[in-house]
Structure formats: C-alpha cells, structure tokens
Protein backbone atom coordinates (compact mmCIF):
# COMPACT_ATOMS: atom_id res chain seq x y z
CA MET A 1 1.98 -20.32 11.85
CA PRO A 2 4.75 -22.93 11.53
CA ALA A 3 7.24 -22.46 14.34
CA ARG A 4 10.13 -21.36 12.14
CA LEU A 5 8.32 -18.73 10.07
CA HIS A 6 9.02 -15.82 12.39
CA THR A 7 10.40 -13.38 9.78
CA LEU A 8 9.87 -12.43 6.15
CA ASP A 9 13.18 -14.10 5.33
CA ASP A 10 11.83 -17.35 6.79
CA TRP A 11 8.82 -17.25 4.46
CA PHE A 12 11.04 -16.95 1.38
CA THR A 13 13.88 -19.29 2.34
CA SER A 14 11.45 -22.06 3.31
CA SER A 15 10.12 -22.00 -0.25
CA VAL A 16 13.64 -21.93 -1.69
CA ALA A 17 14.34 -25.19 0.14
CA VAL A 18 11.25 -26.89 -1.33
CA HIS A 19 10.68 -25.15 -4.67
CA GLY A 20 14.20 -24.12 -5.68
CA ASP A 21 13.84 -24.97 -9.39
CA ARG A 22 10.42 -23.35 -9.81
CA THR A 23 9.94 -19.84 -11.12
CA ALA A 24 9.81 -17.21 -8.38
CA LEU A 25 9.88 -13.94 -10.34
CA GLU A 26 9.10 -12.60 -13.80
CA THR A 27 9.83 -8.94 -14.44
CA GLY A 28 11.03 -6.91 -17.41
CA GLY A 29 11.56 -10.03 -19.51
CA THR A 30 13.71 -11.72 -16.83
CA VAL A 31 12.65 -15.07 -15.37
CA LEU A 32 14.28 -16.30 -12.16
CA THR A 33 13.88 -19.46 -10.14
CA TYR A 34 13.71 -19.43 -6.35
CA THR A 35 17.34 -20.59 -6.18
CA GLU A 36 18.50 -17.89 -8.59
CA LEU A 37 16.56 -15.12 -6.86
CA SER A 38 17.95 -16.23 -3.49
CA LEU A 39 21.50 -16.14 -4.86
CA LEU A 40 21.02 -12.58 -6.16
CA ALA A 41 19.60 -11.57 -2.79
CA ASP A 42 22.76 -12.95 -1.17
CA HIS A 43 24.96 -10.85 -3.45
CA LEU A 44 23.00 -7.68 -2.67
CA ALA A 45 23.04 -8.54 1.03
CA ALA A 46 26.84 -8.80 0.91
CA ALA A 47 27.05 -5.46 -0.90
CA LEU A 48 24.90 -3.80 1.77
CA VAL A 49 27.03 -5.19 4.58
CA SER A 50 30.18 -3.96 2.83
CA SER A 51 28.75 -0.49 2.16
CA GLY A 52 29.54 0.80 5.62
CA ASP A 53 31.97 -0.33 8.28
CA GLY A 54 31.21 -4.01 7.81
CA THR A 55 28.33 -3.93 10.27
CA PRO A 56 24.97 -4.80 8.68
CA PRO A 57 22.84 -1.67 8.32
CA ARG A 58 19.63 -1.68 10.40
CA ARG A 59 17.47 0.49 8.15
CA VAL A 60 17.88 0.43 4.37
CA GLY A 61 16.15 2.65 1.83
CA LEU A 62 15.11 0.90 -1.38
CA LEU A 63 14.99 3.26 -4.36
CA ALA A 64 13.89 0.91 -7.11
CA ALA A 65 10.72 -0.11 -8.91
CA ARG A 66 9.67 -3.08 -11.06
CA THR A 67 13.24 -4.29 -11.57
CA VAL A 68 15.08 -7.41 -10.49
CA VAL A 69 17.10 -5.22 -8.12
CA ALA A 70 13.88 -4.06 -6.45
CA TYR A 71 12.71 -7.57 -5.52
CA ALA A 72 16.08 -9.19 -4.89
CA GLY A 73 16.91 -6.06 -2.90
CA TYR A 74 13.86 -6.38 -0.69
CA LEU A 75 14.86 -9.98 0.04
CA ALA A 76 18.45 -8.90 0.70
CA ILE A 77 17.37 -6.31 3.25
CA GLN A 78 15.35 -8.94 5.07
CA ARG A 79 18.24 -11.42 4.89
CA ILE A 80 20.58 -9.14 6.83
CA GLY A 81 17.89 -8.49 9.44
CA ALA A 82 17.33 -4.86 8.46
CA ALA A 83 14.11 -2.90 8.03
CA ALA A 84 13.17 -2.04 4.43
CA VAL A 85 12.16 1.57 3.78
CA PRO A 86 10.75 1.88 0.25
CA LEU A 87 11.43 5.19 -1.48
CA GLY A 88 9.52 6.35 -4.54
CA PRO A 89 11.60 6.72 -7.71
CA ALA A 90 8.81 8.93 -9.06
CA PHE A 91 8.46 10.91 -5.81
CA PRO A 92 9.89 14.42 -5.58
CA ALA A 93 13.51 14.43 -4.40
CA GLU A 94 12.56 16.60 -1.43
CA ARG A 95 10.03 14.03 -0.24
CA ASN A 96 12.48 11.13 -0.49
CA ALA A 97 15.16 13.17 1.26
CA GLY A 98 12.74 13.87 4.10
CA ILE A 99 12.00 10.17 4.47
CA VAL A 100 15.72 9.39 4.53
CA ARG A 101 16.16 11.83 7.41
CA GLN A 102 13.09 10.74 9.38
CA ALA A 103 13.91 7.04 9.06
CA SER A 104 17.59 7.57 10.00
CA LEU A 105 18.67 5.30 7.15
CA ASP A 106 22.03 3.56 7.31
CA ALA A 107 22.17 2.80 3.57
CA VAL A 108 20.21 3.22 0.33
CA LEU A 109 20.00 0.50 -2.32
CA SER A 110 19.21 1.79 -5.81
CA ASP A 111 18.64 0.11 -9.15
CA GLY A 112 20.69 2.86 -10.82
CA THR A 113 17.78 4.42 -12.70
CA CYS A 114 17.15 7.30 -10.31
CA GLU A 115 19.63 10.12 -9.74
CA GLN A 116 18.14 10.82 -6.32
CA ALA A 117 20.24 8.02 -4.83
CA LEU A 118 23.28 10.25 -5.30
CA ARG A 119 21.78 13.04 -3.17
CA THR A 120 21.09 11.06 -0.03
CA GLY A 121 23.36 11.11 3.00
CA PRO A 122 23.78 7.39 3.85
CA PRO A 123 26.10 5.10 1.87
CA ALA A 124 24.57 4.24 -1.50
CA VAL A 125 24.69 0.82 -3.17
CA ASP A 126 23.87 1.20 -6.87
CA MET A 127 23.26 -1.94 -8.89
CA THR A 128 21.67 -2.27 -12.31
CA ASP A 129 19.70 -5.32 -13.37
CA ASP A 130 22.39 -6.22 -15.93
CA GLY A 131 25.13 -5.98 -13.32
CA LEU A 132 23.18 -8.09 -10.86
CA LEU A 133 22.24 -10.77 -13.38
CA ASP A 134 25.92 -11.10 -14.32
CA LEU A 135 26.43 -12.49 -10.80
CA LEU A 136 24.23 -15.53 -11.42
CA GLY A 137 27.28 -17.56 -12.36
CA SER A 138 29.20 -16.53 -9.24
CA PRO A 139 29.24 -18.56 -6.03
CA ALA A 140 27.15 -17.32 -3.13
CA PRO A 141 29.11 -14.85 -0.97
CA ALA A 142 29.82 -15.72 2.63
CA LEU A 143 27.37 -13.89 4.89
CA SER A 144 27.90 -13.48 8.59
CA VAL A 145 24.70 -11.87 9.78
CA THR A 146 22.47 -12.46 12.77
CA GLY A 147 19.18 -11.90 10.96
CA ALA A 148 16.02 -10.47 12.43
CA GLY A 149 13.91 -11.58 15.36
CA PRO A 150 10.11 -11.40 15.71
CA ASP A 151 10.25 -8.04 17.53
CA ASP A 152 12.61 -6.40 15.04
CA LEU A 153 11.24 -4.06 12.37
CA ALA A 154 10.45 -5.63 9.01
CA TYR A 155 9.72 -2.38 7.18
CA ILE A 156 8.75 1.26 7.59
CA MET A 157 6.11 2.75 5.30
CA PHE A 158 5.54 6.48 5.04
CA THR A 159 1.97 7.69 4.66
CA SER A 160 0.51 11.13 4.10
CA GLY A 161 0.49 13.38 7.17
CA SER A 162 -2.09 16.07 7.95
CA THR A 163 0.62 18.54 9.06
CA GLY A 164 2.39 18.39 5.72
CA THR A 165 5.04 15.87 6.78
CA PRO A 166 4.75 12.16 5.89
CA LYS A 167 4.24 9.83 8.87
CA GLY A 168 6.52 6.82 9.39
CA VAL A 169 4.66 3.58 10.15
CA PRO A 170 7.05 0.89 11.47
CA VAL A 171 5.86 -2.72 11.25
CA ARG A 172 7.51 -5.53 13.18
CA GLN A 173 8.34 -8.96 11.84
CA ARG A 174 5.75 -10.48 14.14
CA ASN A 175 3.08 -8.13 12.78
CA ILE A 176 3.63 -9.05 9.14
CA CYS A 177 4.10 -12.75 9.92
CA ALA A 178 0.80 -12.83 11.84
CA TYR A 179 -0.81 -11.41 8.70
CA LEU A 180 0.88 -13.90 6.36
CA ALA A 181 -0.02 -16.84 8.60
CA HIS A 182 -3.63 -16.11 7.66
CA ALA A 183 -3.25 -14.62 4.17
CA VAL A 184 -1.04 -17.27 2.58
CA PRO A 185 -3.18 -20.33 3.33
CA HIS A 186 -6.31 -18.28 2.59
CA CYS A 187 -5.07 -17.90 -1.01
CA ALA A 188 -4.97 -21.68 -1.47
CA ALA A 189 -2.11 -21.17 -3.95
CA GLY A 190 0.87 -23.31 -4.86
CA PRO A 191 3.48 -24.04 -7.51
CA GLY A 192 2.22 -23.10 -10.95
CA ASP A 193 0.02 -20.27 -9.69
CA ARG A 194 0.82 -16.76 -10.86
CA PHE A 195 0.33 -13.62 -8.76
CA SER A 196 0.04 -10.10 -10.14
CA GLN A 197 2.16 -7.29 -8.64
CA THR A 198 0.26 -4.13 -9.52
CA PHE A 199 1.32 -2.17 -6.43
CA GLU A 200 4.48 -0.13 -6.01
CA LEU A 201 6.74 -1.10 -3.11
CA THR A 202 5.81 2.18 -1.39
CA PHE A 203 2.28 0.78 -0.94
CA ASP A 204 2.03 -2.07 1.57
CA PRO A 205 -0.36 -4.37 -0.40
CA SER A 206 2.80 -5.14 -2.42
CA LEU A 207 3.83 -7.26 0.59
CA PHE A 208 0.79 -9.47 0.05
CA ASP A 209 1.65 -10.02 -3.60
CA MET A 210 5.28 -10.86 -2.91
CA TYR A 211 4.95 -13.11 0.09
CA ALA A 212 1.65 -14.79 -0.76
CA ALA A 213 3.43 -15.90 -3.93
CA TRP A 214 6.79 -16.69 -2.34
CA GLY A 215 5.21 -18.28 0.71
CA SER A 216 3.41 -20.83 -1.46
CA GLY A 217 5.93 -21.67 -4.20
CA ALA A 218 4.06 -19.59 -6.77
CA THR A 219 5.36 -16.99 -9.26
CA LEU A 220 5.30 -13.22 -8.82
CA VAL A 221 4.59 -11.58 -12.20
CA VAL A 222 5.41 -7.87 -12.35
CA PRO A 223 3.63 -5.79 -15.00
CA ALA A 224 5.35 -2.97 -16.81
CA ARG A 225 3.79 0.45 -16.29
CA ALA A 226 2.07 0.20 -19.68
CA ASP A 227 0.48 -3.08 -18.61
CA LEU A 228 -1.28 -1.31 -15.73
CA LEU A 229 -3.34 0.56 -18.33
CA ALA A 230 -4.48 -2.72 -19.92
CA PRO A 231 -5.18 -5.12 -17.03
CA VAL A 232 -7.23 -7.65 -19.00
CA ARG A 233 -4.53 -7.99 -21.64
CA PHE A 234 -1.89 -8.42 -18.92
CA VAL A 235 -3.91 -11.14 -17.15
CA ASN A 236 -4.37 -13.12 -20.35
CA ARG A 237 -0.89 -12.64 -21.76
CA HIS A 238 0.69 -13.90 -18.54
CA ALA A 239 -1.98 -16.42 -17.46
CA ILE A 240 -2.46 -14.71 -14.09
CA THR A 241 -4.34 -16.84 -11.56
CA HIS A 242 -4.33 -14.48 -8.55
CA TRP A 243 -5.11 -10.79 -8.97
CA ASN A 244 -4.75 -7.94 -6.44
CA SER A 245 -5.30 -4.24 -7.17
CA VAL A 246 -7.25 -1.12 -6.31
CA PRO A 247 -10.88 -1.14 -7.53
CA SER A 248 -10.28 1.83 -9.84
CA VAL A 249 -8.54 -0.64 -12.19
CA ILE A 250 -12.01 -2.08 -12.87
CA SER A 251 -13.31 1.35 -13.82
CA LEU A 252 -10.34 1.81 -16.15
CA ALA A 253 -10.96 -1.54 -17.84
CA LYS A 254 -14.66 -0.71 -18.21
CA ARG A 255 -13.85 2.60 -19.91
CA LEU A 256 -11.61 0.69 -22.33
CA ARG A 257 -14.49 -1.74 -22.94
CA ALA A 258 -12.16 -4.60 -22.08
CA LEU A 259 -14.32 -6.35 -19.46
CA GLU A 260 -16.17 -8.64 -21.84
CA PRO A 261 -17.99 -11.64 -20.31
CA GLY A 262 -15.52 -14.46 -19.69
CA SER A 263 -12.58 -12.35 -20.88
CA MET A 264 -10.24 -13.47 -18.05
CA PRO A 265 -10.60 -17.27 -17.88
CA THR A 266 -7.30 -17.94 -16.03
CA LEU A 267 -8.22 -15.99 -12.89
CA ARG A 268 -9.09 -18.10 -9.82
CA ALA A 269 -8.85 -15.45 -7.09
CA SER A 270 -9.30 -11.67 -7.20
CA VAL A 271 -8.69 -9.30 -4.28
CA PHE A 272 -9.38 -5.57 -4.24
CA CYS A 273 -8.20 -3.14 -1.56
CA GLY A 274 -7.03 0.42 -1.00
CA GLU A 275 -10.36 2.14 -1.70
CA PRO A 276 -14.08 1.25 -1.60
CA LEU A 277 -15.16 -1.50 -3.97
CA THR A 278 -18.60 -0.76 -5.38
CA LEU A 279 -21.11 -3.49 -6.16
CA GLN A 280 -21.22 -2.18 -9.72
CA GLN A 281 -17.47 -2.67 -10.09
CA ALA A 282 -17.66 -6.12 -8.52
CA ARG A 283 -20.40 -7.25 -10.93
CA ALA A 284 -18.38 -6.10 -13.93
CA TRP A 285 -15.26 -7.99 -12.76
CA GLN A 286 -17.26 -11.11 -11.86
CA ARG A 287 -18.76 -11.28 -15.35
CA ALA A 288 -15.29 -10.97 -16.89
CA ALA A 289 -13.74 -13.57 -14.55
CA PRO A 290 -16.58 -15.99 -13.67
CA GLY A 291 -14.13 -18.65 -12.48
CA SER A 292 -12.56 -16.34 -9.88
CA SER A 293 -13.48 -15.77 -6.27
CA LEU A 294 -13.98 -12.06 -5.53
CA GLU A 295 -12.85 -10.52 -2.26
CA ASN A 296 -12.88 -7.02 -0.81
CA ALA A 297 -10.10 -6.39 1.74
CA TYR A 298 -9.58 -3.46 4.08
CA GLY A 299 -6.85 -2.25 6.37
CA PRO A 300 -4.74 0.83 7.07
CA THR A 301 -0.96 0.50 6.93
CA GLU A 302 -0.91 0.64 10.75
CA LEU A 303 -2.77 -2.70 10.90
CA THR A 304 -0.40 -4.46 8.48
CA VAL A 305 -1.63 -4.64 4.89
CA THR A 306 -5.27 -5.69 5.48
CA CYS A 307 -7.11 -6.67 8.65
CA THR A 308 -10.58 -7.53 7.32
CA ALA A 309 -11.92 -9.21 4.21
CA TYR A 310 -15.23 -10.15 2.67
CA ARG A 311 -15.52 -12.81 -0.03
CA LEU A 312 -18.63 -12.37 -2.14
CA PRO A 313 -20.80 -15.47 -2.56
CA ALA A 314 -20.28 -17.28 -5.87
CA ASP A 315 -23.90 -16.61 -6.83
CA PRO A 316 -24.45 -12.87 -7.41
CA GLY A 317 -28.07 -13.44 -6.44
CA HIS A 318 -26.84 -13.93 -2.87
CA TRP A 319 -24.76 -10.77 -2.72
CA PRO A 320 -25.60 -8.23 -0.02
CA SER A 321 -26.64 -4.75 -1.08
CA PRO A 322 -25.63 -2.13 1.51
CA ALA A 323 -27.35 1.22 1.12
CA ASN A 324 -24.12 2.93 0.04
CA GLY A 325 -23.61 0.53 -2.88
CA THR A 326 -20.25 -0.83 -1.69
CA VAL A 327 -19.10 -4.36 -0.95
CA PRO A 328 -18.77 -4.99 2.82
CA ILE A 329 -15.24 -4.92 4.20
CA GLY A 330 -16.01 -8.12 6.08
CA THR A 331 -14.83 -9.61 9.34
CA LEU A 332 -11.50 -9.31 11.10
CA ASN A 333 -8.55 -11.63 10.54
CA PRO A 334 -7.90 -14.30 13.21
CA GLY A 335 -6.62 -12.87 16.48
CA MET A 336 -7.74 -9.33 15.69
CA GLU A 337 -10.34 -7.55 17.85
CA HIS A 338 -12.45 -4.47 17.24
CA ARG A 339 -14.62 -2.03 19.11
CA LEU A 340 -16.55 1.00 17.95
CA PHE A 341 -15.91 4.51 19.26
CA ARG A 342 -18.77 6.70 18.04
CA SER A 343 -19.02 4.44 14.95
CA GLU A 344 -15.23 4.71 14.37
CA LEU A 345 -13.52 1.34 13.94
CA CYS A 346 -10.82 0.72 16.55
CA VAL A 347 -8.65 -2.41 16.28
CA ARG A 348 -5.99 -4.25 18.23
CA GLY A 349 -4.28 -7.60 17.86
CA PRO A 350 -1.09 -9.18 16.53
CA GLN A 351 -1.12 -7.14 13.31
CA ARG A 352 -1.27 -3.74 15.03
CA PHE A 353 1.90 -1.70 14.58
CA PRO A 354 3.89 -0.57 17.67
CA GLY A 355 3.24 3.14 17.20
CA TYR A 356 4.46 5.85 14.84
CA LEU A 357 8.13 6.51 14.19
CA ASP A 358 7.57 10.02 15.54
CA ARG A 359 5.81 9.39 18.84
CA ALA A 360 4.13 12.80 18.63
CA ASN A 361 1.90 11.30 15.92
CA ASN A 362 0.48 8.81 18.44
CA ALA A 363 -1.61 11.52 20.09
CA GLY A 364 -5.27 11.06 19.28
CA ARG A 365 -4.69 7.83 17.35
CA PHE A 366 -5.21 5.30 20.15
CA LEU A 367 -7.62 4.35 22.91
CA ALA A 368 -6.59 2.77 26.20
CA ALA A 369 -7.46 -0.87 26.80
CA ASP A 370 -10.70 0.12 28.57
CA GLY A 371 -11.73 2.45 25.73
CA ALA A 372 -10.71 5.66 27.50
CA PRO A 373 -8.66 8.29 25.63
CA TYR A 374 -4.99 7.38 25.31
CA ASP A 375 -2.49 9.41 27.33
CA PRO A 376 0.44 9.98 24.91
CA ALA A 377 2.78 10.42 27.90
CA THR A 378 2.38 6.69 28.64
CA ALA A 379 3.86 3.76 26.77
CA LEU A 380 1.79 1.91 24.21
CA THR A 381 0.96 -1.70 25.02
CA ASP A 382 -0.60 -4.49 22.98
CA GLY A 383 -3.86 -3.74 24.81
CA HIS A 384 -4.27 -0.31 23.22
CA TRP A 385 -6.77 0.13 20.38
CA TYR A 386 -5.72 1.81 17.13
CA ARG A 387 -8.24 4.36 15.90
CA THR A 388 -8.58 3.84 12.15
CA GLY A 389 -10.57 7.01 11.47
CA ASP A 390 -12.96 4.86 9.40
CA ARG A 391 -16.64 4.76 10.32
CA VAL A 392 -18.28 1.36 9.98
CA ALA A 393 -21.59 -0.36 10.65
CA LEU A 394 -22.71 -3.97 10.77
CA LEU A 395 -24.46 -5.29 7.68
CA PRO A 396 -28.15 -5.49 8.63
CA PRO A 397 -29.07 -9.04 9.71
CA ASP A 398 -31.76 -9.34 7.01
CA GLU A 399 -29.09 -8.94 4.30
CA PRO A 400 -27.44 -12.10 2.91
CA ALA A 401 -23.98 -12.18 4.45
CA GLY A 402 -22.46 -15.35 3.05
CA SER A 403 -20.90 -16.20 6.45
CA ARG A 404 -21.88 -16.80 10.08
CA ASP A 405 -20.53 -13.48 11.33
CA LEU A 406 -22.12 -10.24 10.23
CA PRO A 407 -19.58 -8.32 8.14
CA LEU A 408 -18.70 -4.66 8.58
CA VAL A 409 -19.65 -2.04 6.01
CA HIS A 410 -17.47 1.03 5.50
CA ILE A 411 -19.60 4.17 5.72
CA GLY A 412 -17.05 6.99 5.59
CA ARG A 413 -14.23 8.82 7.35
CA SER A 414 -14.22 10.80 10.57
CA ASP A 415 -11.45 13.11 9.30
CA GLN A 416 -10.07 14.54 6.04
CA GLN A 417 -8.18 11.44 5.00
CA ILE A 418 -9.08 9.99 1.60
CA GLN A 419 -7.90 7.25 -0.74
CA VAL A 420 -6.68 8.31 -4.20
CA HIS A 421 -5.98 5.40 -6.55
CA GLY A 422 -5.29 3.31 -3.47
CA TYR A 423 -2.90 5.74 -1.79
CA ARG A 424 -3.82 7.27 1.55
CA VAL A 425 -3.89 11.07 1.35
CA GLU A 426 -4.40 13.63 4.08
CA LEU A 427 -6.04 16.65 2.46
CA GLY A 428 -4.26 18.70 5.12
CA GLU A 429 -0.91 17.81 3.54
CA VAL A 430 -2.11 19.05 0.13
CA GLU A 431 -3.38 22.25 1.72
CA ALA A 432 -0.12 22.76 3.62
CA ALA A 433 1.86 22.39 0.39
CA LEU A 434 -0.34 24.99 -1.30
CA ARG A 435 -0.09 27.48 1.58
CA SER A 436 3.70 27.22 1.56
CA GLN A 437 3.92 28.59 -1.99
CA PRO A 438 4.81 32.27 -2.51
CA GLY A 439 1.76 34.43 -3.16
CA VAL A 440 -0.80 31.93 -1.83
CA GLY A 441 -2.89 33.18 1.09
CA ASP A 442 -5.15 30.30 2.06
CA ALA A 443 -6.08 26.96 0.51
CA ALA A 444 -8.60 24.15 0.84
CA ALA A 445 -8.81 20.77 -0.85
CA VAL A 446 -11.70 18.38 -1.32
CA ALA A 447 -12.16 14.86 -2.67
CA LEU A 448 -14.47 14.44 -5.64
CA ALA A 449 -15.90 11.23 -7.07
CA THR A 450 -15.39 10.87 -10.82
CA ARG A 451 -15.80 8.03 -13.28
CA ALA A 452 -12.06 7.45 -12.97
CA GLY A 453 -12.25 7.22 -9.17
CA THR A 454 -11.54 9.73 -6.43
CA GLU A 455 -9.67 12.87 -7.48
CA ILE A 456 -8.38 15.88 -5.53
CA ALA A 457 -9.56 19.41 -6.33
CA ALA A 458 -8.29 22.49 -4.55
CA ALA A 459 -8.93 26.20 -4.35
CA TYR A 460 -6.56 28.91 -3.16
CA THR A 461 -6.60 32.61 -2.46
CA GLY A 462 -3.87 35.11 -3.23
CA ALA A 463 -1.87 35.78 -6.35
CA PRO A 464 0.96 33.35 -7.16
CA ASP A 465 2.96 33.97 -10.34
CA SER A 466 0.70 31.67 -12.37
CA GLU A 467 -1.38 28.54 -11.96
CA ASN A 468 1.11 26.63 -14.12
CA ALA A 469 4.02 27.69 -11.91
CA LEU A 470 2.01 26.74 -8.85
CA ARG A 471 1.30 23.28 -10.23
CA LEU A 472 4.97 22.76 -11.10
CA ALA A 473 5.95 23.80 -7.57
CA LEU A 474 3.53 21.27 -6.11
CA ARG A 475 5.01 18.53 -8.28
CA ASP A 476 8.40 19.31 -6.74
CA ARG A 477 6.95 18.70 -3.29
CA LEU A 478 4.14 16.13 -3.63
CA PRO A 479 3.86 12.73 -5.35
CA ALA A 480 1.88 12.91 -8.59
CA TYR A 481 -1.22 11.29 -7.06
CA MET A 482 -1.42 14.12 -4.48
CA VAL A 483 -1.24 17.01 -6.97
CA PRO A 484 -4.82 18.33 -7.40
CA ALA A 485 -6.49 17.52 -10.69
CA VAL A 486 -8.12 20.95 -10.52
CA LEU A 487 -6.55 24.14 -9.10
CA THR A 488 -8.82 27.16 -8.92
CA ARG A 489 -8.11 30.65 -7.60
CA LEU A 490 -10.90 32.28 -5.58
CA ASP A 491 -11.09 35.72 -4.03
CA THR A 492 -12.27 34.08 -0.79
CA LEU A 493 -12.97 30.50 0.28
CA PRO A 494 -16.66 29.76 0.99
CA LEU A 495 -17.43 29.65 4.73
CA ASN A 496 -20.25 28.10 6.73
CA GLY A 497 -22.13 29.65 9.64
CA ASN A 498 -19.34 28.68 12.04
CA GLY A 499 -16.74 30.52 10.00
CA LYS A 500 -15.13 27.29 8.77
CA VAL A 501 -14.52 26.38 5.13
CA ASP A 502 -17.77 25.13 3.62
CA ARG A 503 -16.39 22.03 1.94
CA THR A 504 -19.77 21.05 0.53
CA ALA A 505 -20.10 24.34 -1.33
CA LEU A 506 -16.46 24.21 -2.37
CA GLY A 507 -16.85 20.66 -3.67
CA ALA A 508 -19.89 21.64 -5.72
CA ALA A 509 -18.02 24.53 -7.32
CA LEU A 510 -14.85 22.55 -8.03
CA GLY A 511 -16.81 19.52 -9.21
CA THR A 512 -18.10 21.51 -12.16
CA ALA A 513 -14.53 22.19 -13.29
CA LEU A 514 -13.50 18.56 -12.83
CA GLY A 515 -16.57 17.01 -14.41
CA ALA A 516 -17.28 14.97 -11.29
CA GLY A 517 -20.02 12.39 -11.04
C-alpha cells in the first residue's frame, strides 16, 4: 500500500489529484467529475462541522440511498475524520432509531427524502440533490479538520443479531485500507472503466464498488431500483465493465430469459459475494459475458468486505466441481491467516475488526491466539482469531484448482445465521420479533431454498389478531428482507427427541407453502 493511503479519504483525494476531470459518479441522471464530487463533499463536510458546536462530529449517520447526497456525503464524513454509520431509508423507523442510540451518533446527514431524519436525536443536516448541485458554482469552503488516522473508525455497520438487537461492527481505517490495498490493484481497472453499484450503503460490499472505482480513476455507476430488476439491460445501457452483486441476480436474469449467450459484451470482470455462488449460476453468467473474468468472494462484515476469493479458470472445462455444487470461496487475501476449529473457519489479520461495538457480543466469537476459547474478560489483541461461524473444507487435491494453493469450499453454517439476498440474517432475530407480538406464544423460523434464492419461512403458535396484522407489525420492526415470505400458525411446533424444535420437519411443512425447491 502506498505510504500515504492510510484512510478512505486518501484513496479518493489521490485520484482527484490525478484524474480530476474524469467522471467519478453517475447517478439519477447526474454526472460528476472527481473535482466536482470532491467540491460537493467539501460543502457537506462544512455543513456537518457547523451542525453542532463547531467541533467535527465523530460518528455520523447517513440516511440516504442512490443519490448524489449519499455518495458525496460518504466522502464528506471521511473528510472530517468521522465514522460513517449507514442507516436504511427503507428500514423501519424503530430499527434506525435503535442504531442511532447504539452508535451514539453525533449527527445525521439525510438526502431529504426520508422523514425519519426528523425523529432522531442528534443534529440533522438535510440536503437535497438539487440543493447540493446548486453549490457547484460556489468556491470550496474553508475546512479546519484534523482528519482520521489509521486506528480511527472508518465506518460502523449493523448486522442482524440473534437476540433481536442488531450488532454494531466497527471497522478501522487500517482494516479497510488493508483490504483496498489488495482489492484495487486486483481489479486491474483505470480511467474509462465503469463499476456497478448494486449494493445499498448498509451492506459493506458497497465499499468495494465505491473505492475500487475511486481508487483507480474509474466511474461509479449507480443503478436506479428498477434497473436492479433488469441487470443485463443496465450493463449494456451503461457499458459496465466491472460488475459486483449477489448471485441471486443471476437467477433473476435467468427467470427473465435475459442471459442470452454473449449478451453482455462490455463486461471484463464480474464478482459475486454475499451468498453461495452455484456452478449452475456461474455457467449461465459466463455464457452471457464470455469476455469477463468470474470471481466468487467471501467474507463476513467483521473481516472487512471480503477476505477470500476464487477466480474461475477462463476455460469452463477446468472448473472444479465440489460435491455441493458451489464455486469455491478461494484463498485468503494477503496478510490474512486462517485455522479450523471443528471445521469452522477462524481468521485473523489486518482486515479483522477490533471487536463489536457492544463488547458483550464478543463472547463466543473469538479464539485466543493459541486456539483456546477466548475469555471475554480480557482485551482483544490482533492475535485473536475471529470465528466466522462458517464451516469450510479444502477442495480435494484431485480437483482442478486453477491456482497453486488449494481453495476453501463453503459447506454450511454452525449456527442459525443465513444469507437472504446478500444480507446476513440471524433467524433468532426474526423469531424474537415474532414472539414479541401480542397473542403469539412461540415461534420458529427456517431458511428455504427457492428458485429465487434463499427465503425465510416461519411458524408461530398462539392467536394474534390476524396474520395480516402480524405481518404488518413485523414490517414495523424488521427490514423487508427479514420479514418471512411465509407465516403459518400451528397449534404446536414440531419437536425432536430432545424436545427441541425439529427444524427439518418444520422446513418440510413450510416448504410446501412456499413452493421451495
């Protein structure tokens, strides 16, 4: 990593200095150069500093999506040395309010399209795209800020929590910069290349899209929500060269019969992450984009975006074929180490986060340096291993690997955590939300595989007012992707011989209602 690229702001400003007149961002019909986007970030940075007592806020919520304010705002937060805390404009107000409290936010920056910004406690800075773009003709404001250091927080992401409360995952500048030092050159991108931005800012692969583009002088192209339902059309209309999304996008395109052979000729690099990539999905995408490399990446938020990757050989005849039908997750990024704990992948290295915002969540999630159980009463060090909860195995040596090192294959979870359309979901959080509703006695949720990807189905006992009222109540508490696709009332939940919920039997019963398979 070049000596001066110690923070996210360094990665962007270094490109501004070299590629100032090139296009940095295209969103909602607006096209901005690196110089213009940097100027707008300066204006938002000044507004954030002025929002309180004149002292730059240290943690800033960002309540915006797919607007100029969203991306200039993220840059502004980094410019003043603060940690960005993305909030979901489509999330329930209660969930966002809980994140505001847990993160102890000093300010919230909003694009003016979400009323929730008015309900939060910290000072609010509301700015519409039109109002921000009007500032393009204004001189850059004077900023007197210290900026961040490598050990300062770059961002805090909130993931699903098994107890019903989202978990805060703080990531330091040095964690994300260690990731970018590998990811940016690995893309082999430069001016003229065009990166997709399919992920919301509440999902950390969005960091790859933004800074792989901005770290190489390329253009970040943000699709409208409607474009996400027609990925092939979006790629061709905007001449996308670098694609990054969840694999379920492939299944969507297949259902629309859009993945015709050679239908995406502009693509040179395609990365999939957030959920297992099947060999069947990979073959369909490879036929549609034969000029593109195809890579499967893996990594929990705690290990900073992705920590492993596997690039499929150009010749499909040399592809491996693991027994579970998925593409290997590959080998670890430079500097990262792994060990197995009863087949569970445990990882440490420069990308590992410093521990959860609520230290109580550290219990059971780490191993000591020697592999012994972690004592949560002791301080975490860089030598501790993070327990991913993912079970892995080495690709058998008689399989074609396409590299010197044998890649890892993901073989399942050791807990109830699942991936739904790329988002990490603890089924325990769904169950806790159900049990909290009036009239519900007990509840259990399962993950079911469908043609559209993984979906949540749940059963409950008791007698709430109505299933429709119950679903509406869940939507007030959970993001849309966590609301079960099927809700079924049962007199009793099926139990196994140990008296625990028989999730296999429950899944079979609920799968019939969902049309799984």
